[in-house]
Amino acid sequence: MARPTAQRAGKISVAADPEEILRYYRDMLLIRRFEEKAGQLYGMGLIGGFCHLYIGQEAVVVGMQAASEFGDTVITSYRDHGHMLACGMDPKGVMAELTGRRGGYSKGKGGSMHMFSRDKHFYGGHGIVGGQVPLGTGLAFGHRYRGDGKVCMCYLGDGAVNQGQVYESFNMAALWKLPVVYVIENNKYAMGTSVQRASAGTELYKRGTAYGIPGERVDGMDVIEVRKSGAMALGHARKGDGPFILEMMTYRYRGHSMSDPAKYRSKEEVAKMRQEHDPIDRLRDRILKEASADEAKLKEIDREIKEIVSTATEFAQQSPEPDPAELFTDVLMAS
């Protein structure tokens, strides 16, 4: 259950339907509980390779998905489990892939950073820093070419925004007025270096100015504000006005990856962010204050989410490992 606190920094504003707000709460809680379980399984040696957790950043993808339309595409980097779940991918398939099992989305061959679902319009986590940005721009080109009225939401981090291919993509997207929203998830530390030390200009939403791309900085710990800005940016791109940049000011509670001790920041800083800005607790406070639901209802949601995560974990552990013959399937081999 989310922790009660006396007061939060800032306020969640903008009118929203009570049932809709409860859905945001549920979706964020699913990501939080799923990621907590993934962290436990990694510590037990049941998840190998890399594993980047989304704990603390849940409001960004939940708010953006709430503002999107069916058929809009999503592409992101390696911190991707939250995006998969927000897109509606089955937690069982995601967890099975994390544990390298046959029931996973990539048949156990991809792991944390390489899962896809065309049915859910999710085109991957990608392990190359910034490498998803040209691909997302290509997805947007596809939307424009087909004239389907859809938009690509291309997520990247504050570290990736300094990569050269990002600006090549900005130029092309602006030149051809492609329907893409670049969502910069600024969690302040990239892989471990603060944005102040890594970026000459720290107002990342202005990085498209040279190409005529508008941008906005958003409280990424407030799901309602994310939804509001997301709707504006997606509408801009959808009506043919070209790309938009949203800089989501957010925070990850865990290290960059499971092997990162995060010694570049203090425990007091992390605790302060959790106490004053946690996206789930802030929304929970609003729900209780506005009587959208009571404590009993929130406990019921928490039990439901825990059961979903438990079922996903059980499915993953019972799913068999891939057959060795699977190694060469779905792989383009040079003749």
C-alpha atoms as a PDB file:
ATOM      1  CA  MET A   1       0.000   0.000   0.000  1.00  0.00           C
ATOM      2  CA  ALA A   2       1.230   3.485  -0.797  1.00  0.00           C
ATOM      3  CA  ARG A   3       2.507   5.357   2.244  1.00  0.00           C
ATOM      4  CA  PRO A   4       0.376   8.177   3.699  1.00  0.00           C
ATOM      5  CA  THR A   5       2.171  11.492   4.191  1.00  0.00           C
ATOM      6  CA  ALA A   6       1.125  14.744   5.763  1.00  0.00           C
ATOM      7  CA  GLN A   7       1.781  17.026   2.811  1.00  0.00           C
ATOM      8  CA  ARG A   8       3.142  16.877  -0.735  1.00  0.00           C
ATOM      9  CA  ALA A   9       4.989  19.504  -2.722  1.00  0.00           C
ATOM     10  CA  GLY A  10       2.812  20.963  -5.503  1.00  0.00           C
ATOM     11  CA  LYS A  11      -0.784  20.120  -6.378  1.00  0.00           C
ATOM     12  CA  ILE A  12      -2.390  17.845  -8.899  1.00  0.00           C
ATOM     13  CA  SER A  13      -4.764  19.982 -10.916  1.00  0.00           C
ATOM     14  CA  VAL A  14      -7.055  19.759 -13.955  1.00  0.00           C
ATOM     15  CA  ALA A  15     -10.474  18.146 -13.733  1.00  0.00           C
ATOM     16  CA  ALA A  16     -10.673  14.445 -14.528  1.00  0.00           C
ATOM     17  CA  ASP A  17     -13.313  11.773 -14.186  1.00  0.00           C
ATOM     18  CA  PRO A  18     -12.996   9.878 -10.851  1.00  0.00           C
ATOM     19  CA  GLU A  19     -12.973   6.508 -12.613  1.00  0.00           C
ATOM     20  CA  GLU A  20     -10.264   7.757 -14.947  1.00  0.00           C
ATOM     21  CA  ILE A  21      -8.135   8.900 -12.027  1.00  0.00           C
ATOM     22  CA  LEU A  22      -8.541   5.507 -10.380  1.00  0.00           C
ATOM     23  CA  ARG A  23      -7.355   3.905 -13.613  1.00  0.00           C
ATOM     24  CA  TYR A  24      -4.219   6.064 -13.556  1.00  0.00           C
ATOM     25  CA  TYR A  25      -3.635   5.020  -9.958  1.00  0.00           C
ATOM     26  CA  ARG A  26      -4.065   1.371 -10.824  1.00  0.00           C
ATOM     27  CA  ASP A  27      -1.782   1.580 -13.863  1.00  0.00           C
ATOM     28  CA  MET A  28       0.990   3.335 -11.932  1.00  0.00           C
ATOM     29  CA  LEU A  29       0.678   0.893  -9.053  1.00  0.00           C
ATOM     30  CA  LEU A  30       0.948  -2.056 -11.451  1.00  0.00           C
ATOM     31  CA  ILE A  31       4.216  -0.682 -12.817  1.00  0.00           C
ATOM     32  CA  ARG A  32       5.545  -0.017  -9.305  1.00  0.00           C
ATOM     33  CA  ARG A  33       4.706  -3.481  -7.949  1.00  0.00           C
ATOM     34  CA  PHE A  34       5.908  -5.211 -11.108  1.00  0.00           C
ATOM     35  CA  GLU A  35       9.247  -3.422 -10.975  1.00  0.00           C
ATOM     36  CA  GLU A  36       9.675  -4.134  -7.278  1.00  0.00           C
ATOM     37  CA  LYS A  37       9.158  -7.828  -7.997  1.00  0.00           C
ATOM     38  CA  ALA A  38      11.575  -7.690 -10.946  1.00  0.00           C
ATOM     39  CA  GLY A  39      14.188  -6.213  -8.624  1.00  0.00           C
ATOM     40  CA  GLN A  40      13.632  -9.074  -6.178  1.00  0.00           C
ATOM     41  CA  LEU A  41      13.930 -11.706  -8.909  1.00  0.00           C
ATOM     42  CA  TYR A  42      17.138 -10.110 -10.174  1.00  0.00           C
ATOM     43  CA  GLY A  43      18.590 -10.278  -6.663  1.00  0.00           C
ATOM     44  CA  MET A  44      17.671 -13.972  -6.529  1.00  0.00           C
ATOM     45  CA  GLY A  45      19.511 -14.633  -9.789  1.00  0.00           C
ATOM     46  CA  LEU A  46      16.319 -15.406 -11.718  1.00  0.00           C
ATOM     47  CA  ILE A  47      16.809 -12.462 -14.083  1.00  0.00           C
ATOM     48  CA  GLY A  48      20.131 -12.257 -15.873  1.00  0.00           C
ATOM     49  CA  GLY A  49      21.848  -9.591 -17.911  1.00  0.00           C
ATOM     50  CA  PHE A  50      20.813  -5.978 -17.532  1.00  0.00           C
ATOM     51  CA  CYS A  51      17.717  -4.723 -15.750  1.00  0.00           C
ATOM     52  CA  HIS A  52      16.752  -1.035 -15.539  1.00  0.00           C
ATOM     53  CA  LEU A  53      13.822  -0.297 -13.227  1.00  0.00           C
ATOM     54  CA  TYR A  54      11.211   2.431 -13.776  1.00  0.00           C
ATOM     55  CA  ILE A  55      10.368   2.960 -10.093  1.00  0.00           C
ATOM     56  CA  GLY A  56       9.550   6.630  -9.503  1.00  0.00           C
ATOM     57  CA  GLN A  57       8.864   7.540 -13.133  1.00  0.00           C
ATOM     58  CA  GLU A  58       5.460   5.860 -13.493  1.00  0.00           C
ATOM     59  CA  ALA A  59       3.456   9.063 -14.041  1.00  0.00           C
ATOM     60  CA  VAL A  60       5.242   9.855 -17.299  1.00  0.00           C
ATOM     61  CA  VAL A  61       4.192   6.879 -19.395  1.00  0.00           C
ATOM     62  CA  VAL A  62       0.778   6.469 -17.732  1.00  0.00           C
ATOM     63  CA  GLY A  63      -0.066  10.120 -18.378  1.00  0.00           C
ATOM     64  CA  MET A  64       1.139   9.985 -21.973  1.00  0.00           C
ATOM     65  CA  GLN A  65      -0.812   6.809 -22.706  1.00  0.00           C
ATOM     66  CA  ALA A  66      -3.903   8.418 -21.209  1.00  0.00           C
ATOM     67  CA  ALA A  67      -3.557  11.249 -23.739  1.00  0.00           C
ATOM     68  CA  SER A  68      -2.909   8.966 -26.718  1.00  0.00           C
ATOM     69  CA  GLU A  69      -5.208   7.355 -29.270  1.00  0.00           C
ATOM     70  CA  PHE A  70      -5.399   3.707 -30.259  1.00  0.00           C
ATOM     71  CA  GLY A  71      -2.803   3.103 -32.949  1.00  0.00           C
ATOM     72  CA  ASP A  72      -0.302   5.684 -31.728  1.00  0.00           C
ATOM     73  CA  THR A  73       3.103   4.018 -31.571  1.00  0.00           C
ATOM     74  CA  VAL A  74       5.583   3.889 -28.696  1.00  0.00           C
ATOM     75  CA  ILE A  75       9.332   3.372 -28.724  1.00  0.00           C
ATOM     76  CA  THR A  76      11.793   3.847 -25.878  1.00  0.00           C
ATOM     77  CA  SER A  77      15.189   2.893 -24.482  1.00  0.00           C
ATOM     78  CA  TYR A  78      16.242   0.201 -22.025  1.00  0.00           C
ATOM     79  CA  ARG A  79      14.186   1.426 -19.009  1.00  0.00           C
ATOM     80  CA  ASP A  80      11.155  -0.001 -20.708  1.00  0.00           C
ATOM     81  CA  HIS A  81       9.061  -2.365 -18.570  1.00  0.00           C
ATOM     82  CA  GLY A  82       6.752   0.462 -17.486  1.00  0.00           C
ATOM     83  CA  HIS A  83       6.104   1.457 -21.084  1.00  0.00           C
ATOM     84  CA  MET A  84       5.213  -2.125 -21.983  1.00  0.00           C
ATOM     85  CA  LEU A  85       2.702  -2.420 -19.167  1.00  0.00           C
ATOM     86  CA  ALA A  86       1.208   1.007 -19.892  1.00  0.00           C
ATOM     87  CA  CYS A  87       0.721  -0.055 -23.522  1.00  0.00           C
ATOM     88  CA  GLY A  88      -1.323  -3.011 -22.320  1.00  0.00           C
ATOM     89  CA  MET A  89       1.221  -5.779 -22.798  1.00  0.00           C
ATOM     90  CA  ASP A  90       0.538  -8.879 -20.679  1.00  0.00           C
ATOM     91  CA  PRO A  91       2.542  -8.815 -17.400  1.00  0.00           C
ATOM     92  CA  LYS A  92       2.996 -12.593 -17.713  1.00  0.00           C
ATOM     93  CA  GLY A  93       4.716 -12.264 -21.081  1.00  0.00           C
ATOM     94  CA  VAL A  94       6.886  -9.389 -19.859  1.00  0.00           C
ATOM     95  CA  MET A  95       7.990 -11.224 -16.712  1.00  0.00           C
ATOM     96  CA  ALA A  96       8.622 -14.436 -18.657  1.00  0.00           C
ATOM     97  CA  GLU A  97      10.868 -12.530 -21.038  1.00  0.00           C
ATOM     98  CA  LEU A  98      12.757 -10.942 -18.139  1.00  0.00           C
ATOM     99  CA  THR A  99      13.485 -14.416 -16.798  1.00  0.00           C
ATOM    100  CA  GLY A 100      14.482 -15.772 -20.212  1.00  0.00           C
ATOM    101  CA  ARG A 101      11.547 -18.143 -20.640  1.00  0.00           C
ATOM    102  CA  ARG A 102       9.736 -19.450 -23.704  1.00  0.00           C
ATOM    103  CA  GLY A 103       6.519 -17.676 -22.746  1.00  0.00           C
ATOM    104  CA  GLY A 104       8.151 -14.268 -23.038  1.00  0.00           C
ATOM    105  CA  TYR A 105       7.418 -11.683 -25.713  1.00  0.00           C
ATOM    106  CA  SER A 106      10.697 -12.459 -27.490  1.00  0.00           C
ATOM    107  CA  LYS A 107      10.541 -16.189 -26.652  1.00  0.00           C
ATOM    108  CA  GLY A 108      13.110 -15.723 -23.899  1.00  0.00           C
ATOM    109  CA  LYS A 109      15.820 -14.503 -26.255  1.00  0.00           C
ATOM    110  CA  GLY A 110      15.631 -10.759 -25.721  1.00  0.00           C
ATOM    111  CA  GLY A 111      15.436 -10.120 -22.015  1.00  0.00           C
ATOM    112  CA  SER A 112      14.828  -6.766 -20.373  1.00  0.00           C
ATOM    113  CA  MET A 113      15.885  -4.490 -23.220  1.00  0.00           C
ATOM    114  CA  HIS A 114      14.470  -6.294 -26.245  1.00  0.00           C
ATOM    115  CA  MET A 115      10.728  -6.823 -26.153  1.00  0.00           C
ATOM    116  CA  PHE A 116       8.214  -5.800 -28.794  1.00  0.00           C
ATOM    117  CA  SER A 117       4.494  -6.049 -29.454  1.00  0.00           C
ATOM    118  CA  ARG A 118       3.056  -4.970 -32.789  1.00  0.00           C
ATOM    119  CA  ASP A 119      -0.430  -5.707 -31.445  1.00  0.00           C
ATOM    120  CA  LYS A 120       0.061  -3.108 -28.720  1.00  0.00           C
ATOM    121  CA  HIS A 121       1.995  -0.748 -31.035  1.00  0.00           C
ATOM    122  CA  PHE A 122       5.101  -1.017 -28.858  1.00  0.00           C
ATOM    123  CA  TYR A 123       8.284  -1.056 -30.910  1.00  0.00           C
ATOM    124  CA  GLY A 124      10.806  -1.795 -28.251  1.00  0.00           C
ATOM    125  CA  GLY A 125      13.141  -0.908 -25.671  1.00  0.00           C
ATOM    126  CA  HIS A 126      16.531  -0.389 -27.252  1.00  0.00           C
ATOM    127  CA  GLY A 127      19.912  -0.817 -25.595  1.00  0.00           C
ATOM    128  CA  ILE A 128      21.880   1.702 -27.676  1.00  0.00           C
ATOM    129  CA  VAL A 129      21.746   5.128 -26.009  1.00  0.00           C
ATOM    130  CA  GLY A 130      19.704   7.371 -28.296  1.00  0.00           C
ATOM    131  CA  GLY A 131      19.412   4.643 -30.922  1.00  0.00           C
ATOM    132  CA  GLN A 132      15.624   4.533 -30.644  1.00  0.00           C
ATOM    133  CA  VAL A 133      15.230   8.177 -31.687  1.00  0.00           C
ATOM    134  CA  PRO A 134      15.924   7.690 -35.422  1.00  0.00           C
ATOM    135  CA  LEU A 135      13.699   4.593 -35.301  1.00  0.00           C
ATOM    136  CA  GLY A 136      10.891   6.535 -33.658  1.00  0.00           C
ATOM    137  CA  THR A 137      11.270   9.243 -36.272  1.00  0.00           C
ATOM    138  CA  GLY A 138      10.941   6.498 -38.868  1.00  0.00           C
ATOM    139  CA  LEU A 139       7.735   5.278 -37.228  1.00  0.00           C
ATOM    140  CA  ALA A 140       6.414   8.832 -37.488  1.00  0.00           C
ATOM    141  CA  PHE A 141       7.395   8.908 -41.167  1.00  0.00           C
ATOM    142  CA  GLY A 142       5.358   5.733 -41.598  1.00  0.00           C
ATOM    143  CA  HIS A 143       2.322   7.389 -40.011  1.00  0.00           C
ATOM    144  CA  ARG A 144       2.616  10.350 -42.349  1.00  0.00           C
ATOM    145  CA  TYR A 145       3.228   8.165 -45.405  1.00  0.00           C
ATOM    146  CA  ARG A 146       0.118   6.097 -44.667  1.00  0.00           C
ATOM    147  CA  GLY A 147      -1.913   9.139 -43.659  1.00  0.00           C
ATOM    148  CA  ASP A 148      -3.368   7.223 -40.724  1.00  0.00           C
ATOM    149  CA  GLY A 149      -3.581  10.214 -38.351  1.00  0.00           C
ATOM    150  CA  LYS A 150      -1.450   8.531 -35.692  1.00  0.00           C
ATOM    151  CA  VAL A 151       1.542   9.853 -33.755  1.00  0.00           C
ATOM    152  CA  CYS A 152       4.739   8.239 -32.483  1.00  0.00           C
ATOM    153  CA  MET A 153       5.709   8.838 -28.876  1.00  0.00           C
ATOM    154  CA  CYS A 154       9.488   8.517 -28.794  1.00  0.00           C
ATOM    155  CA  TYR A 155      10.967   8.375 -25.295  1.00  0.00           C
ATOM    156  CA  LEU A 156      14.586   9.202 -24.460  1.00  0.00           C
ATOM    157  CA  GLY A 157      16.569  10.195 -21.389  1.00  0.00           C
ATOM    158  CA  ASP A 158      18.487  13.286 -20.365  1.00  0.00           C
ATOM    159  CA  GLY A 159      21.731  11.474 -21.184  1.00  0.00           C
ATOM    160  CA  ALA A 160      20.600  10.402 -24.647  1.00  0.00           C
ATOM    161  CA  VAL A 161      19.583  13.942 -25.578  1.00  0.00           C
ATOM    162  CA  ASN A 162      23.266  14.809 -26.105  1.00  0.00           C
ATOM    163  CA  GLN A 163      23.728  12.145 -28.792  1.00  0.00           C
ATOM    164  CA  GLY A 164      24.243  13.244 -32.386  1.00  0.00           C
ATOM    165  CA  GLN A 165      21.598  11.033 -33.980  1.00  0.00           C
ATOM    166  CA  VAL A 166      18.984  12.805 -31.846  1.00  0.00           C
ATOM    167  CA  TYR A 167      19.616  16.067 -33.685  1.00  0.00           C
ATOM    168  CA  GLU A 168      19.678  14.425 -37.086  1.00  0.00           C
ATOM    169  CA  SER A 169      16.234  13.081 -36.185  1.00  0.00           C
ATOM    170  CA  PHE A 170      15.024  16.484 -34.988  1.00  0.00           C
ATOM    171  CA  ASN A 171      16.093  18.034 -38.280  1.00  0.00           C
ATOM    172  CA  MET A 172      14.355  15.416 -40.408  1.00  0.00           C
ATOM    173  CA  ALA A 173      11.190  15.431 -38.301  1.00  0.00           C
ATOM    174  CA  ALA A 174      10.929  19.214 -38.493  1.00  0.00           C
ATOM    175  CA  LEU A 175      11.781  19.350 -42.195  1.00  0.00           C
ATOM    176  CA  TRP A 176       9.052  16.858 -43.103  1.00  0.00           C
ATOM    177  CA  LYS A 177       6.622  17.851 -40.298  1.00  0.00           C
ATOM    178  CA  LEU A 178       6.489  14.306 -38.993  1.00  0.00           C
ATOM    179  CA  PRO A 179       3.910  13.377 -36.335  1.00  0.00           C
ATOM    180  CA  VAL A 180       6.229  12.596 -33.424  1.00  0.00           C
ATOM    181  CA  VAL A 181       6.382  13.688 -29.801  1.00  0.00           C
ATOM    182  CA  TYR A 182       9.854  13.365 -28.287  1.00  0.00           C
ATOM    183  CA  VAL A 183       9.413  12.671 -24.577  1.00  0.00           C
ATOM    184  CA  ILE A 184      12.609  13.418 -22.657  1.00  0.00           C
ATOM    185  CA  GLU A 185      12.433  11.626 -19.303  1.00  0.00           C
ATOM    186  CA  ASN A 186      14.793  13.844 -17.340  1.00  0.00           C
ATOM    187  CA  ASN A 187      15.532  11.835 -14.200  1.00  0.00           C
ATOM    188  CA  LYS A 188      18.499  14.124 -13.488  1.00  0.00           C
ATOM    189  CA  TYR A 189      21.383  11.635 -13.580  1.00  0.00           C
ATOM    190  CA  ALA A 190      21.502   9.770 -16.919  1.00  0.00           C
ATOM    191  CA  MET A 191      23.763   6.769 -16.190  1.00  0.00           C
ATOM    192  CA  GLY A 192      25.270   8.490 -13.164  1.00  0.00           C
ATOM    193  CA  THR A 193      26.300  11.999 -14.183  1.00  0.00           C
ATOM    194  CA  SER A 194      24.032  14.894 -13.263  1.00  0.00           C
ATOM    195  CA  VAL A 195      22.497  16.868 -16.089  1.00  0.00           C
ATOM    196  CA  GLN A 196      24.289  19.985 -14.824  1.00  0.00           C
ATOM    197  CA  ARG A 197      27.671  18.314 -15.406  1.00  0.00           C
ATOM    198  CA  ALA A 198      26.749  16.690 -18.717  1.00  0.00           C
ATOM    199  CA  SER A 199      24.751  19.379 -20.539  1.00  0.00           C
ATOM    200  CA  ALA A 200      25.844  22.913 -21.414  1.00  0.00           C
ATOM    201  CA  GLY A 201      22.183  23.876 -21.555  1.00  0.00           C
ATOM    202  CA  THR A 202      19.918  22.234 -18.996  1.00  0.00           C
ATOM    203  CA  GLU A 203      16.590  23.401 -20.446  1.00  0.00           C
ATOM    204  CA  LEU A 204      16.260  20.282 -22.536  1.00  0.00           C
ATOM    205  CA  TYR A 205      12.822  21.143 -23.885  1.00  0.00           C
ATOM    206  CA  LYS A 206      14.514  23.929 -25.859  1.00  0.00           C
ATOM    207  CA  ARG A 207      16.837  21.552 -27.711  1.00  0.00           C
ATOM    208  CA  GLY A 208      14.641  21.695 -30.822  1.00  0.00           C
ATOM    209  CA  THR A 209      14.684  25.499 -31.084  1.00  0.00           C
ATOM    210  CA  ALA A 210      17.187  25.529 -33.957  1.00  0.00           C
ATOM    211  CA  TYR A 211      14.799  23.370 -35.982  1.00  0.00           C
ATOM    212  CA  GLY A 212      11.659  25.249 -35.061  1.00  0.00           C
ATOM    213  CA  ILE A 213      10.398  22.459 -32.794  1.00  0.00           C
ATOM    214  CA  PRO A 214       8.339  23.789 -29.869  1.00  0.00           C
ATOM    215  CA  GLY A 215       8.827  22.341 -26.410  1.00  0.00           C
ATOM    216  CA  GLU A 216       7.504  22.384 -22.882  1.00  0.00           C
ATOM    217  CA  ARG A 217       8.796  21.396 -19.461  1.00  0.00           C
ATOM    218  CA  VAL A 218       6.352  19.279 -17.438  1.00  0.00           C
ATOM    219  CA  ASP A 219       6.109  18.047 -13.837  1.00  0.00           C
ATOM    220  CA  GLY A 220       6.686  14.396 -14.644  1.00  0.00           C
ATOM    221  CA  MET A 221       5.760  13.329 -11.110  1.00  0.00           C
ATOM    222  CA  ASP A 222       2.166  14.497 -11.650  1.00  0.00           C
ATOM    223  CA  VAL A 223       0.164  12.167 -13.885  1.00  0.00           C
ATOM    224  CA  ILE A 224      -2.593  14.711 -14.501  1.00  0.00           C
ATOM    225  CA  GLU A 225      -0.146  17.379 -15.642  1.00  0.00           C
ATOM    226  CA  VAL A 226       1.544  14.807 -17.882  1.00  0.00           C
ATOM    227  CA  ARG A 227      -1.790  13.880 -19.438  1.00  0.00           C
ATOM    228  CA  LYS A 228      -2.656  17.538 -19.997  1.00  0.00           C
ATOM    229  CA  SER A 229       0.651  18.394 -21.693  1.00  0.00           C
ATOM    230  CA  GLY A 230       0.662  15.098 -23.556  1.00  0.00           C
ATOM    231  CA  ALA A 231      -2.755  15.818 -25.045  1.00  0.00           C
ATOM    232  CA  MET A 232      -1.555  19.236 -26.206  1.00  0.00           C
ATOM    233  CA  ALA A 233       1.644  17.881 -27.779  1.00  0.00           C
ATOM    234  CA  LEU A 234      -0.049  14.915 -29.439  1.00  0.00           C
ATOM    235  CA  GLY A 235      -2.739  17.204 -30.808  1.00  0.00           C
ATOM    236  CA  HIS A 236      -0.045  19.485 -32.252  1.00  0.00           C
ATOM    237  CA  ALA A 237       1.621  16.580 -34.051  1.00  0.00           C
ATOM    238  CA  ARG A 238      -1.648  14.903 -35.073  1.00  0.00           C
ATOM    239  CA  LYS A 239      -2.992  17.941 -36.926  1.00  0.00           C
ATOM    240  CA  GLY A 240       0.107  18.160 -39.101  1.00  0.00           C
ATOM    241  CA  ASP A 241       2.145  20.823 -37.300  1.00  0.00           C
ATOM    242  CA  GLY A 242       5.182  18.587 -36.919  1.00  0.00           C
ATOM    243  CA  PRO A 243       7.157  17.352 -33.896  1.00  0.00           C
ATOM    244  CA  PHE A 244       6.933  18.516 -30.296  1.00  0.00           C
ATOM    245  CA  ILE A 245       9.356  18.067 -27.374  1.00  0.00           C
ATOM    246  CA  LEU A 246       8.158  17.386 -23.833  1.00  0.00           C
ATOM    247  CA  GLU A 247      10.761  17.437 -21.073  1.00  0.00           C
ATOM    248  CA  MET A 248       9.372  15.405 -18.192  1.00  0.00           C
ATOM    249  CA  MET A 249      11.016  16.337 -14.896  1.00  0.00           C
ATOM    250  CA  THR A 250      11.023  13.004 -13.104  1.00  0.00           C
ATOM    251  CA  TYR A 251      13.219  10.896 -10.797  1.00  0.00           C
ATOM    252  CA  ARG A 252      14.298   7.284 -10.512  1.00  0.00           C
ATOM    253  CA  TYR A 253      14.566   5.912  -7.002  1.00  0.00           C
ATOM    254  CA  ARG A 254      16.870   3.032  -7.889  1.00  0.00           C
ATOM    255  CA  GLY A 255      20.264   3.118  -9.566  1.00  0.00           C
ATOM    256  CA  HIS A 256      20.659   3.351 -13.321  1.00  0.00           C
ATOM    257  CA  SER A 257      20.750  -0.434 -13.473  1.00  0.00           C
ATOM    258  CA  MET A 258      20.789  -3.163 -10.856  1.00  0.00           C
ATOM    259  CA  SER A 259      24.591  -2.976 -10.649  1.00  0.00           C
ATOM    260  CA  ASP A 260      24.608   0.779  -9.920  1.00  0.00           C
ATOM    261  CA  PRO A 261      25.067   1.690  -6.206  1.00  0.00           C
ATOM    262  CA  ALA A 262      24.037   5.297  -7.034  1.00  0.00           C
ATOM    263  CA  LYS A 263      26.726   6.878  -4.859  1.00  0.00           C
ATOM    264  CA  TYR A 264      26.534  10.075  -6.913  1.00  0.00           C
ATOM    265  CA  ARG A 265      23.519  11.223  -4.880  1.00  0.00           C
ATOM    266  CA  SER A 266      22.645  11.183  -1.201  1.00  0.00           C
ATOM    267  CA  LYS A 267      20.148   8.933   0.530  1.00  0.00           C
ATOM    268  CA  GLU A 268      18.570  12.100   1.922  1.00  0.00           C
ATOM    269  CA  GLU A 269      17.890  13.385  -1.588  1.00  0.00           C
ATOM    270  CA  VAL A 270      16.154  10.178  -2.623  1.00  0.00           C
ATOM    271  CA  ALA A 271      14.131  10.074   0.601  1.00  0.00           C
ATOM    272  CA  LYS A 272      13.016  13.686   0.110  1.00  0.00           C
ATOM    273  CA  MET A 273      11.849  12.964  -3.435  1.00  0.00           C
ATOM    274  CA  ARG A 274       9.920   9.911  -2.263  1.00  0.00           C
ATOM    275  CA  GLN A 275       8.284  11.789   0.604  1.00  0.00           C
ATOM    276  CA  GLU A 276       7.350  14.976  -1.234  1.00  0.00           C
ATOM    277  CA  HIS A 277       6.965  14.078  -4.910  1.00  0.00           C
ATOM    278  CA  ASP A 278       6.071  10.396  -5.260  1.00  0.00           C
ATOM    279  CA  PRO A 279       3.604  10.205  -8.179  1.00  0.00           C
ATOM    280  CA  ILE A 280       1.520   7.384  -6.721  1.00  0.00           C
ATOM    281  CA  ASP A 281       1.263   8.902  -3.253  1.00  0.00           C
ATOM    282  CA  ARG A 282       0.350  12.305  -4.684  1.00  0.00           C
ATOM    283  CA  LEU A 283      -2.484  10.811  -6.709  1.00  0.00           C
ATOM    284  CA  ARG A 284      -3.585   8.722  -3.753  1.00  0.00           C
ATOM    285  CA  ASP A 285      -3.818  11.869  -1.638  1.00  0.00           C
ATOM    286  CA  ARG A 286      -6.005  13.512  -4.278  1.00  0.00           C
ATOM    287  CA  ILE A 287      -8.280  10.478  -4.553  1.00  0.00           C
ATOM    288  CA  LEU A 288      -8.873  10.427  -0.800  1.00  0.00           C
ATOM    289  CA  LYS A 289      -9.269  14.215  -0.543  1.00  0.00           C
ATOM    290  CA  GLU A 290     -11.821  14.371  -3.345  1.00  0.00           C
ATOM    291  CA  ALA A 291     -13.547  11.181  -2.155  1.00  0.00           C
ATOM    292  CA  SER A 292     -13.125   9.540  -5.553  1.00  0.00           C
ATOM    293  CA  ALA A 293     -12.547   6.367  -3.551  1.00  0.00           C
ATOM    294  CA  ASP A 294     -11.983   5.396   0.062  1.00  0.00           C
ATOM    295  CA  GLU A 295      -9.206   3.476   1.778  1.00  0.00           C
ATOM    296  CA  ALA A 296     -11.077   0.206   1.309  1.00  0.00           C
ATOM    297  CA  LYS A 297     -11.234   0.690  -2.456  1.00  0.00           C
ATOM    298  CA  LEU A 298      -7.530   1.541  -2.675  1.00  0.00           C
ATOM    299  CA  LYS A 299      -6.672  -1.547  -0.631  1.00  0.00           C
ATOM    300  CA  GLU A 300      -8.790  -3.609  -3.008  1.00  0.00           C
ATOM    301  CA  ILE A 301      -6.838  -2.213  -5.989  1.00  0.00           C
ATOM    302  CA  ASP A 302      -3.559  -2.975  -4.220  1.00  0.00           C
ATOM    303  CA  ARG A 303      -4.633  -6.582  -3.610  1.00  0.00           C
ATOM    304  CA  GLU A 304      -5.673  -6.924  -7.251  1.00  0.00           C
ATOM    305  CA  ILE A 305      -2.314  -5.604  -8.463  1.00  0.00           C
ATOM    306  CA  LYS A 306      -0.351  -7.870  -6.144  1.00  0.00           C
ATOM    307  CA  GLU A 307      -2.314 -10.847  -7.480  1.00  0.00           C
ATOM    308  CA  ILE A 308      -1.549  -9.853 -11.096  1.00  0.00           C
ATOM    309  CA  VAL A 309       2.161  -9.579 -10.321  1.00  0.00           C
ATOM    310  CA  SER A 310       2.130 -12.853  -8.370  1.00  0.00           C
ATOM    311  CA  THR A 311       0.422 -14.624 -11.277  1.00  0.00           C
ATOM    312  CA  ALA A 312       2.941 -13.167 -13.724  1.00  0.00           C
ATOM    313  CA  THR A 313       5.834 -14.346 -11.541  1.00  0.00           C
ATOM    314  CA  GLU A 314       4.396 -17.843 -11.230  1.00  0.00           C
ATOM    315  CA  PHE A 315       3.826 -18.026 -14.990  1.00  0.00           C
ATOM    316  CA  ALA A 316       7.410 -16.951 -15.657  1.00  0.00           C
ATOM    317  CA  GLN A 317       8.890 -19.496 -13.269  1.00  0.00           C
ATOM    318  CA  GLN A 318       6.782 -22.320 -14.686  1.00  0.00           C
ATOM    319  CA  SER A 319       7.385 -21.447 -18.330  1.00  0.00           C
ATOM    320  CA  PRO A 320      10.124 -23.626 -19.865  1.00  0.00           C
ATOM    321  CA  GLU A 321      13.411 -22.269 -21.103  1.00  0.00           C
ATOM    322  CA  PRO A 322      13.745 -21.849 -24.896  1.00  0.00           C
ATOM    323  CA  ASP A 323      14.744 -24.857 -26.946  1.00  0.00           C
ATOM    324  CA  PRO A 324      18.346 -24.466 -28.206  1.00  0.00           C
ATOM    325  CA  ALA A 325      16.976 -24.728 -31.763  1.00  0.00           C
ATOM    326  CA  GLU A 326      15.175 -21.429 -31.140  1.00  0.00           C
ATOM    327  CA  LEU A 327      18.531 -19.637 -31.225  1.00  0.00           C
ATOM    328  CA  PHE A 328      18.391 -19.083 -34.988  1.00  0.00           C
ATOM    329  CA  THR A 329      14.670 -18.413 -35.465  1.00  0.00           C
ATOM    330  CA  ASP A 330      13.565 -14.847 -36.272  1.00  0.00           C
ATOM    331  CA  VAL A 331      17.185 -13.964 -37.050  1.00  0.00           C
ATOM    332  CA  LEU A 332      18.224 -12.634 -40.462  1.00  0.00           C
ATOM    333  CA  MET A 333      21.183 -14.746 -41.539  1.00  0.00           C
ATOM    334  CA  ALA A 334      23.627 -13.591 -44.211  1.00  0.00           C
ATOM    335  CA  SER A 335      24.061 -16.183 -46.947  1.00  0.00           C
END
